[in-house]
Amino acid sequence: VLLESIDLTVDPGDLVLVLGGSGAGKTTFFNAVMGYEK
């Protein structure tokens, strides 16, 4: 399991920082949200 239990809502016009240490799953999170890796 790479990621689990993530719930959030972003508004239009928001500039959002994605923060986390090495291995926390930042790029995996991006790929999942973009639909590249469902």
All heavy atoms as atom14 arrays in JSON, in Angstrom:
{
  "sequence": "VLLESIDLTVDPGDLVLVLGGSGAGKTTFFNAVMGYEK",
  "atom14_mask": [
    [1, 1, 1, 1, 1, 1, 1, 0, 0, 0, 0, 0, 0, 0],
    [1, 1, 1, 1, 1, 1, 1, 1, 0, 0, 0, 0, 0, 0],
    [1, 1, 1, 1, 1, 1, 1, 1, 0, 0, 0, 0, 0, 0],
    [1, 1, 1, 1, 1, 1, 1, 1, 1, 0, 0, 0, 0, 0],
    [1, 1, 1, 1, 1, 1, 0, 0, 0, 0, 0, 0, 0, 0],
    [1, 1, 1, 1, 1, 1, 1, 1, 0, 0, 0, 0, 0, 0],
    [1, 1, 1, 1, 1, 1, 1, 1, 0, 0, 0, 0, 0, 0],
    [1, 1, 1, 1, 1, 1, 1, 1, 0, 0, 0, 0, 0, 0],
    [1, 1, 1, 1, 1, 1, 1, 0, 0, 0, 0, 0, 0, 0],
    [1, 1, 1, 1, 1, 1, 1, 0, 0, 0, 0, 0, 0, 0],
    [1, 1, 1, 1, 1, 1, 1, 1, 0, 0, 0, 0, 0, 0],
    [1, 1, 1, 1, 1, 1, 1, 0, 0, 0, 0, 0, 0, 0],
    [1, 1, 1, 1, 0, 0, 0, 0, 0, 0, 0, 0, 0, 0],
    [1, 1, 1, 1, 1, 1, 1, 1, 0, 0, 0, 0, 0, 0],
    [1, 1, 1, 1, 1, 1, 1, 1, 0, 0, 0, 0, 0, 0],
    [1, 1, 1, 1, 1, 1, 1, 0, 0, 0, 0, 0, 0, 0],
    [1, 1, 1, 1, 1, 1, 1, 1, 0, 0, 0, 0, 0, 0],
    [1, 1, 1, 1, 1, 1, 1, 0, 0, 0, 0, 0, 0, 0],
    [1, 1, 1, 1, 1, 1, 1, 1, 0, 0, 0, 0, 0, 0],
    [1, 1, 1, 1, 0, 0, 0, 0, 0, 0, 0, 0, 0, 0],
    [1, 1, 1, 1, 0, 0, 0, 0, 0, 0, 0, 0, 0, 0],
    [1, 1, 1, 1, 1, 1, 0, 0, 0, 0, 0, 0, 0, 0],
    [1, 1, 1, 1, 0, 0, 0, 0, 0, 0, 0, 0, 0, 0],
    [1, 1, 1, 1, 1, 0, 0, 0, 0, 0, 0, 0, 0, 0],
    [1, 1, 1, 1, 0, 0, 0, 0, 0, 0, 0, 0, 0, 0],
    [1, 1, 1, 1, 1, 1, 1, 1, 1, 0, 0, 0, 0, 0],
    [1, 1, 1, 1, 1, 1, 1, 0, 0, 0, 0, 0, 0, 0],
    [1, 1, 1, 1, 1, 1, 1, 0, 0, 0, 0, 0, 0, 0],
    [1, 1, 1, 1, 1, 1, 1, 1, 1, 1, 1, 0, 0, 0],
    [1, 1, 1, 1, 1, 1, 1, 1, 1, 1, 1, 0, 0, 0],
    [1, 1, 1, 1, 1, 1, 1, 1, 0, 0, 0, 0, 0, 0],
    [1, 1, 1, 1, 1, 0, 0, 0, 0, 0, 0, 0, 0, 0],
    [1, 1, 1, 1, 1, 1, 1, 0, 0, 0, 0, 0, 0, 0],
    [1, 1, 1, 1, 1, 1, 1, 1, 0, 0, 0, 0, 0, 0],
    [1, 1, 1, 1, 0, 0, 0, 0, 0, 0, 0, 0, 0, 0],
    [1, 1, 1, 1, 1, 1, 1, 1, 1, 1, 1, 1, 0, 0],
    [1, 1, 1, 1, 1, 1, 1, 1, 1, 0, 0, 0, 0, 0],
    [1, 1, 1, 1, 1, 1, 1, 1, 1, 0, 0, 0, 0, 0]
  ],
  "atom14_positions": [
    [[0.85, -1.19, 0.0], [0.0, 0.0, 0.0], [0.89, 1.24, 0.0], [1.72, 1.42, 0.91], [-0.94, 0.01, 1.22], [-1.77, 1.29, 1.23], [-1.85, -1.21, 1.2], [0.0, 0.0, 0.0], [0.0, 0.0, 0.0], [0.0, 0.0, 0.0], [0.0, 0.0, 0.0], [0.0, 0.0, 0.0], [0.0, 0.0, 0.0], [0.0, 0.0, 0.0]],
    [[0.72, 2.09, -1.01], [1.52, 3.31, -1.13], [0.83, 4.5, -0.48], [1.48, 5.33, 0.16], [1.79, 3.61, -2.61], [2.45, 2.48, -3.41], [2.6, 2.92, -4.87], [3.8, 2.13, -2.82], [0.0, 0.0, 0.0], [0.0, 0.0, 0.0], [0.0, 0.0, 0.0], [0.0, 0.0, 0.0], [0.0, 0.0, 0.0], [0.0, 0.0, 0.0]],
    [[-0.48, 4.61, -0.69], [-1.28, 5.7, -0.13], [-2.59, 5.15, 0.39], [-3.12, 4.18, -0.15], [-1.61, 6.76, -1.21], [-0.52, 7.69, -1.73], [-1.11, 8.55, -2.84], [0.06, 8.56, -0.63], [0.0, 0.0, 0.0], [0.0, 0.0, 0.0], [0.0, 0.0, 0.0], [0.0, 0.0, 0.0], [0.0, 0.0, 0.0], [0.0, 0.0, 0.0]],
    [[-3.14, 5.79, 1.41], [-4.47, 5.4, 1.88], [-5.09, 6.54, 2.7], [-4.4, 7.41, 3.23], [-4.41, 4.11, 2.7], [-3.58, 4.19, 3.96], [-3.59, 2.87, 4.72], [-4.64, 2.22, 4.79], [-2.52, 2.48, 5.25], [0.0, 0.0, 0.0], [0.0, 0.0, 0.0], [0.0, 0.0, 0.0], [0.0, 0.0, 0.0], [0.0, 0.0, 0.0]],
    [[-6.43, 6.52, 2.73], [-7.21, 7.4, 3.6], [-6.9, 8.88, 3.38], [-6.5, 9.59, 4.31], [-6.99, 7.03, 5.07], [-7.29, 5.68, 5.3], [0.0, 0.0, 0.0], [0.0, 0.0, 0.0], [0.0, 0.0, 0.0], [0.0, 0.0, 0.0], [0.0, 0.0, 0.0], [0.0, 0.0, 0.0], [0.0, 0.0, 0.0], [0.0, 0.0, 0.0]],
    [[-7.09, 9.34, 2.14], [-6.85, 10.75, 1.83], [-8.15, 11.37, 1.33], [-8.68, 10.97, 0.29], [-5.74, 10.92, 0.79], [-4.42, 10.38, 1.36], [-5.59, 12.38, 0.38], [-3.26, 10.42, 0.4], [0.0, 0.0, 0.0], [0.0, 0.0, 0.0], [0.0, 0.0, 0.0], [0.0, 0.0, 0.0], [0.0, 0.0, 0.0], [0.0, 0.0, 0.0]],
    [[-8.66, 12.34, 2.06], [-9.89, 13.06, 1.69], [-9.66, 14.55, 1.83], [-9.31, 15.03, 2.93], [-11.06, 12.65, 2.59], [-11.62, 11.28, 2.23], [-12.38, 11.22, 1.25], [-11.29, 10.31, 2.93], [0.0, 0.0, 0.0], [0.0, 0.0, 0.0], [0.0, 0.0, 0.0], [0.0, 0.0, 0.0], [0.0, 0.0, 0.0], [0.0, 0.0, 0.0]],
    [[-9.86, 15.29, 0.74], [-9.74, 16.75, 0.79], [-10.41, 17.36, -0.43], [-10.64, 16.67, -1.43], [-8.27, 17.18, 0.88], [-7.31, 16.68, -0.21], [-7.15, 17.73, -1.31], [-5.95, 16.37, 0.39], [0.0, 0.0, 0.0], [0.0, 0.0, 0.0], [0.0, 0.0, 0.0], [0.0, 0.0, 0.0], [0.0, 0.0, 0.0], [0.0, 0.0, 0.0]],
    [[-10.72, 18.64, -0.35], [-11.37, 19.36, -1.44], [-10.64, 20.67, -1.67], [-10.39, 21.42, -0.72], [-12.85, 19.63, -1.13], [-13.52, 18.38, -0.91], [-13.52, 20.36, -2.28], [0.0, 0.0, 0.0], [0.0, 0.0, 0.0], [0.0, 0.0, 0.0], [0.0, 0.0, 0.0], [0.0, 0.0, 0.0], [0.0, 0.0, 0.0], [0.0, 0.0, 0.0]],
    [[-10.3, 20.95, -2.94], [-9.55, 22.14, -3.3], [-10.45, 23.07, -4.11], [-11.17, 22.63, -5.02], [-8.29, 21.78, -4.13], [-7.46, 23.02, -4.41], [-7.46, 20.73, -3.39], [0.0, 0.0, 0.0], [0.0, 0.0, 0.0], [0.0, 0.0, 0.0], [0.0, 0.0, 0.0], [0.0, 0.0, 0.0], [0.0, 0.0, 0.0], [0.0, 0.0, 0.0]],
    [[-10.4, 24.36, -3.81], [-11.23, 25.35, -4.49], [-10.51, 25.94, -5.71], [-9.28, 26.02, -5.74], [-11.58, 26.5, -3.54], [-12.52, 26.05, -2.43], [-13.47, 25.32, -2.75], [-12.29, 26.43, -1.27], [0.0, 0.0, 0.0], [0.0, 0.0, 0.0], [0.0, 0.0, 0.0], [0.0, 0.0, 0.0], [0.0, 0.0, 0.0], [0.0, 0.0, 0.0]],
    [[-11.27, 26.4, -6.72], [-10.66, 27.11, -7.85], [-9.91, 28.34, -7.36], [-10.35, 29.02, -6.43], [-11.87, 27.51, -8.7], [-12.96, 26.6, -8.3], [-12.73, 26.29, -6.86], [0.0, 0.0, 0.0], [0.0, 0.0, 0.0], [0.0, 0.0, 0.0], [0.0, 0.0, 0.0], [0.0, 0.0, 0.0], [0.0, 0.0, 0.0], [0.0, 0.0, 0.0]],
    [[-8.77, 28.6, -7.96], [-7.96, 29.74, -7.56], [-6.98, 29.43, -6.45], [-6.2, 30.29, -6.06], [0.0, 0.0, 0.0], [0.0, 0.0, 0.0], [0.0, 0.0, 0.0], [0.0, 0.0, 0.0], [0.0, 0.0, 0.0], [0.0, 0.0, 0.0], [0.0, 0.0, 0.0], [0.0, 0.0, 0.0], [0.0, 0.0, 0.0], [0.0, 0.0, 0.0]],
    [[-6.99, 28.18, -5.95], [-6.08, 27.8, -4.88], [-4.72, 27.38, -5.44], [-4.64, 26.57, -6.38], [-6.64, 26.63, -4.06], [-7.57, 27.1, -2.95], [-7.69, 28.33, -2.74], [-8.18, 26.24, -2.29], [0.0, 0.0, 0.0], [0.0, 0.0, 0.0], [0.0, 0.0, 0.0], [0.0, 0.0, 0.0], [0.0, 0.0, 0.0], [0.0, 0.0, 0.0]],
    [[-3.67, 27.93, -4.86], [-2.31, 27.45, -5.09], [-1.95, 26.58, -3.89], [-1.91, 27.06, -2.76], [-1.35, 28.63, -5.22], [0.14, 28.31, -5.45], [0.34, 27.49, -6.73], [0.97, 29.59, -5.5], [0.0, 0.0, 0.0], [0.0, 0.0, 0.0], [0.0, 0.0, 0.0], [0.0, 0.0, 0.0], [0.0, 0.0, 0.0], [0.0, 0.0, 0.0]],
    [[-1.71, 25.28, -4.15], [-1.6, 24.3, -3.07], [-0.2, 23.71, -3.02], [0.32, 23.23, -4.03], [-2.63, 23.16, -3.26], [-2.53, 22.15, -2.12], [-4.05, 23.73, -3.34], [0.0, 0.0, 0.0], [0.0, 0.0, 0.0], [0.0, 0.0, 0.0], [0.0, 0.0, 0.0], [0.0, 0.0, 0.0], [0.0, 0.0, 0.0], [0.0, 0.0, 0.0]],
    [[0.4, 23.75, -1.85], [1.7, 23.13, -1.61], [1.49, 21.7, -1.13], [0.7, 21.46, -0.21], [2.46, 23.94, -0.55], [3.73, 23.32, 0.02], [4.79, 23.18, -1.06], [4.25, 24.16, 1.18], [0.0, 0.0, 0.0], [0.0, 0.0, 0.0], [0.0, 0.0, 0.0], [0.0, 0.0, 0.0], [0.0, 0.0, 0.0], [0.0, 0.0, 0.0]],
    [[2.17, 20.75, -1.76], [2.12, 19.35, -1.32], [3.44, 19.07, -0.62], [4.51, 19.08, -1.22], [1.9, 18.4, -2.5], [1.9, 16.95, -2.02], [0.58, 18.72, -3.2], [0.0, 0.0, 0.0], [0.0, 0.0, 0.0], [0.0, 0.0, 0.0], [0.0, 0.0, 0.0], [0.0, 0.0, 0.0], [0.0, 0.0, 0.0], [0.0, 0.0, 0.0]],
    [[3.34, 18.8, 0.68], [4.51, 18.7, 1.54], [4.6, 17.29, 2.13], [3.59, 16.66, 2.41], [4.37, 19.73, 2.67], [5.6, 20.15, 3.47], [6.62, 20.83, 2.56], [5.2, 21.1, 4.59], [0.0, 0.0, 0.0], [0.0, 0.0, 0.0], [0.0, 0.0, 0.0], [0.0, 0.0, 0.0], [0.0, 0.0, 0.0], [0.0, 0.0, 0.0]],
    [[5.82, 16.83, 2.33], [6.02, 15.52, 2.95], [7.45, 15.08, 2.81], [8.17, 15.54, 1.92], [0.0, 0.0, 0.0], [0.0, 0.0, 0.0], [0.0, 0.0, 0.0], [0.0, 0.0, 0.0], [0.0, 0.0, 0.0], [0.0, 0.0, 0.0], [0.0, 0.0, 0.0], [0.0, 0.0, 0.0], [0.0, 0.0, 0.0], [0.0, 0.0, 0.0]],
    [[7.87, 14.2, 3.67], [9.24, 13.7, 3.61], [9.44, 12.71, 2.49], [8.5, 12.34, 1.77], [0.0, 0.0, 0.0], [0.0, 0.0, 0.0], [0.0, 0.0, 0.0], [0.0, 0.0, 0.0], [0.0, 0.0, 0.0], [0.0, 0.0, 0.0], [0.0, 0.0, 0.0], [0.0, 0.0, 0.0], [0.0, 0.0, 0.0], [0.0, 0.0, 0.0]],
    [[10.67, 12.26, 2.34], [10.99, 11.28, 1.32], [10.2, 10.0, 1.56], [10.12, 9.5, 2.69], [12.49, 10.98, 1.35], [12.82, 9.98, 0.42], [0.0, 0.0, 0.0], [0.0, 0.0, 0.0], [0.0, 0.0, 0.0], [0.0, 0.0, 0.0], [0.0, 0.0, 0.0], [0.0, 0.0, 0.0], [0.0, 0.0, 0.0], [0.0, 0.0, 0.0]],
    [[9.57, 9.48, 0.5], [8.81, 8.25, 0.62], [7.41, 8.42, 1.13], [6.69, 7.43, 1.33], [0.0, 0.0, 0.0], [0.0, 0.0, 0.0], [0.0, 0.0, 0.0], [0.0, 0.0, 0.0], [0.0, 0.0, 0.0], [0.0, 0.0, 0.0], [0.0, 0.0, 0.0], [0.0, 0.0, 0.0], [0.0, 0.0, 0.0], [0.0, 0.0, 0.0]],
    [[6.97, 9.68, 1.35], [5.62, 9.9, 1.88], [4.55, 9.73, 0.8], [3.37, 9.67, 1.12], [5.52, 11.29, 2.51], [0.0, 0.0, 0.0], [0.0, 0.0, 0.0], [0.0, 0.0, 0.0], [0.0, 0.0, 0.0], [0.0, 0.0, 0.0], [0.0, 0.0, 0.0], [0.0, 0.0, 0.0], [0.0, 0.0, 0.0], [0.0, 0.0, 0.0]],
    [[4.96, 9.71, -0.47], [4.0, 9.44, -1.53], [3.52, 10.68, -2.28], [2.43, 10.67, -2.84], [0.0, 0.0, 0.0], [0.0, 0.0, 0.0], [0.0, 0.0, 0.0], [0.0, 0.0, 0.0], [0.0, 0.0, 0.0], [0.0, 0.0, 0.0], [0.0, 0.0, 0.0], [0.0, 0.0, 0.0], [0.0, 0.0, 0.0], [0.0, 0.0, 0.0]],
    [[4.33, 11.73, -2.33], [3.9, 12.98, -2.99], [3.67, 12.77, -4.49], [2.63, 13.16, -5.03], [4.93, 14.09, -2.75], [5.15, 14.43, -1.28], [6.1, 15.58, -1.1], [7.52, 15.3, -1.57], [8.18, 14.22, -0.79], [0.0, 0.0, 0.0], [0.0, 0.0, 0.0], [0.0, 0.0, 0.0], [0.0, 0.0, 0.0], [0.0, 0.0, 0.0]],
    [[4.64, 12.18, -5.17], [4.49, 11.95, -6.61], [3.4, 10.91, -6.88], [2.63, 11.04, -7.84], [5.83, 11.49, -7.21], [6.82, 12.52, -6.99], [5.69, 11.27, -8.72], [0.0, 0.0, 0.0], [0.0, 0.0, 0.0], [0.0, 0.0, 0.0], [0.0, 0.0, 0.0], [0.0, 0.0, 0.0], [0.0, 0.0, 0.0], [0.0, 0.0, 0.0]],
    [[3.31, 9.9, -6.03], [2.23, 8.91, -6.17], [0.87, 9.58, -6.01], [-0.08, 9.27, -6.73], [2.4, 7.8, -5.11], [3.68, 7.19, -5.27], [1.31, 6.76, -5.25], [0.0, 0.0, 0.0], [0.0, 0.0, 0.0], [0.0, 0.0, 0.0], [0.0, 0.0, 0.0], [0.0, 0.0, 0.0], [0.0, 0.0, 0.0], [0.0, 0.0, 0.0]],
    [[0.78, 10.51, -5.07], [-0.45, 11.29, -4.87], [-0.8, 12.07, -6.13], [-1.96, 12.05, -6.58], [-0.24, 12.22, -3.67], [-1.34, 13.22, -3.46], [-2.58, 12.82, -2.96], [-1.14, 14.55, -3.76], [-3.6, 13.75, -2.76], [-2.15, 15.49, -3.56], [-3.38, 15.09, -3.07], [0.0, 0.0, 0.0], [0.0, 0.0, 0.0], [0.0, 0.0, 0.0]],
    [[0.17, 12.75, -6.71], [-0.05, 13.48, -7.96], [-0.59, 12.55, -9.04], [-1.58, 12.84, -9.71], [1.26, 14.11, -8.43], [1.43, 15.55, -8.05], [0.7, 16.12, -7.03], [2.34, 16.36, -8.74], [0.86, 17.45, -6.68], [2.51, 17.69, -8.41], [1.77, 18.24, -7.37], [0.0, 0.0, 0.0], [0.0, 0.0, 0.0], [0.0, 0.0, 0.0]],
    [[0.09, 11.43, -9.24], [-0.31, 10.51, -10.31], [-1.71, 9.97, -10.11], [-2.47, 9.78, -11.07], [0.69, 9.36, -10.4], [2.04, 9.79, -10.95], [2.13, 10.81, -11.63], [3.07, 9.02, -10.67], [0.0, 0.0, 0.0], [0.0, 0.0, 0.0], [0.0, 0.0, 0.0], [0.0, 0.0, 0.0], [0.0, 0.0, 0.0], [0.0, 0.0, 0.0]],
    [[-2.09, 9.73, -8.86], [-3.44, 9.24, -8.58], [-4.49, 10.3, -8.84], [-5.55, 10.03, -9.42], [-3.52, 8.75, -7.13], [0.0, 0.0, 0.0], [0.0, 0.0, 0.0], [0.0, 0.0, 0.0], [0.0, 0.0, 0.0], [0.0, 0.0, 0.0], [0.0, 0.0, 0.0], [0.0, 0.0, 0.0], [0.0, 0.0, 0.0], [0.0, 0.0, 0.0]],
    [[-4.22, 11.54, -8.42], [-5.18, 12.62, -8.61], [-5.33, 12.96, -10.09], [-6.44, 13.26, -10.57], [-4.76, 13.87, -7.81], [-5.68, 15.05, -8.11], [-4.78, 13.57, -6.31], [0.0, 0.0, 0.0], [0.0, 0.0, 0.0], [0.0, 0.0, 0.0], [0.0, 0.0, 0.0], [0.0, 0.0, 0.0], [0.0, 0.0, 0.0], [0.0, 0.0, 0.0]],
    [[-4.25, 12.89, -10.85], [-4.3, 13.21, -12.28], [-4.89, 12.08, -13.11], [-5.18, 12.26, -14.29], [-2.9, 13.54, -12.8], [-2.35, 14.84, -12.27], [-0.76, 15.27, -13.05], [0.31, 13.99, -12.4], [0.0, 0.0, 0.0], [0.0, 0.0, 0.0], [0.0, 0.0, 0.0], [0.0, 0.0, 0.0], [0.0, 0.0, 0.0], [0.0, 0.0, 0.0]],
    [[-5.02, 10.9, -12.52], [-5.55, 9.76, -13.27], [-4.5, 8.99, -14.04], [-4.83, 8.04, -14.76], [0.0, 0.0, 0.0], [0.0, 0.0, 0.0], [0.0, 0.0, 0.0], [0.0, 0.0, 0.0], [0.0, 0.0, 0.0], [0.0, 0.0, 0.0], [0.0, 0.0, 0.0], [0.0, 0.0, 0.0], [0.0, 0.0, 0.0], [0.0, 0.0, 0.0]],
    [[-3.21, 9.36, -13.89], [-2.15, 8.63, -14.58], [-2.01, 7.22, -14.01], [-1.75, 6.26, -14.75], [-0.82, 9.36, -14.45], [-0.71, 10.64, -15.24], [-1.79, 11.14, -15.97], [0.48, 11.36, -15.29], [-1.69, 12.3, -16.7], [0.59, 12.53, -16.01], [-0.5, 13.0, -16.71], [-0.4, 14.16, -17.43], [0.0, 0.0, 0.0], [0.0, 0.0, 0.0]],
    [[-2.15, 7.11, -12.7], [-2.13, 5.82, -12.02], [-3.32, 5.8, -11.08], [-3.27, 6.37, -9.99], [-0.81, 5.64, -11.24], [0.43, 5.64, -12.12], [1.72, 5.63, -11.32], [1.63, 5.79, -10.08], [2.79, 5.46, -11.92], [0.0, 0.0, 0.0], [0.0, 0.0, 0.0], [0.0, 0.0, 0.0], [0.0, 0.0, 0.0], [0.0, 0.0, 0.0]],
    [[-4.38, 5.16, -11.49], [-5.63, 5.26, -10.75], [-5.53, 4.55, -9.4], [-4.92, 3.49, -9.27], [-6.77, 4.66, -11.56], [-7.09, 5.45, -12.83], [-8.23, 4.83, -13.6], [-8.53, 5.62, -14.86], [-9.62, 5.01, -15.66], [0.0, 0.0, 0.0], [0.0, 0.0, 0.0], [0.0, 0.0, 0.0], [0.0, 0.0, 0.0], [0.0, 0.0, 0.0]]
  ]
}
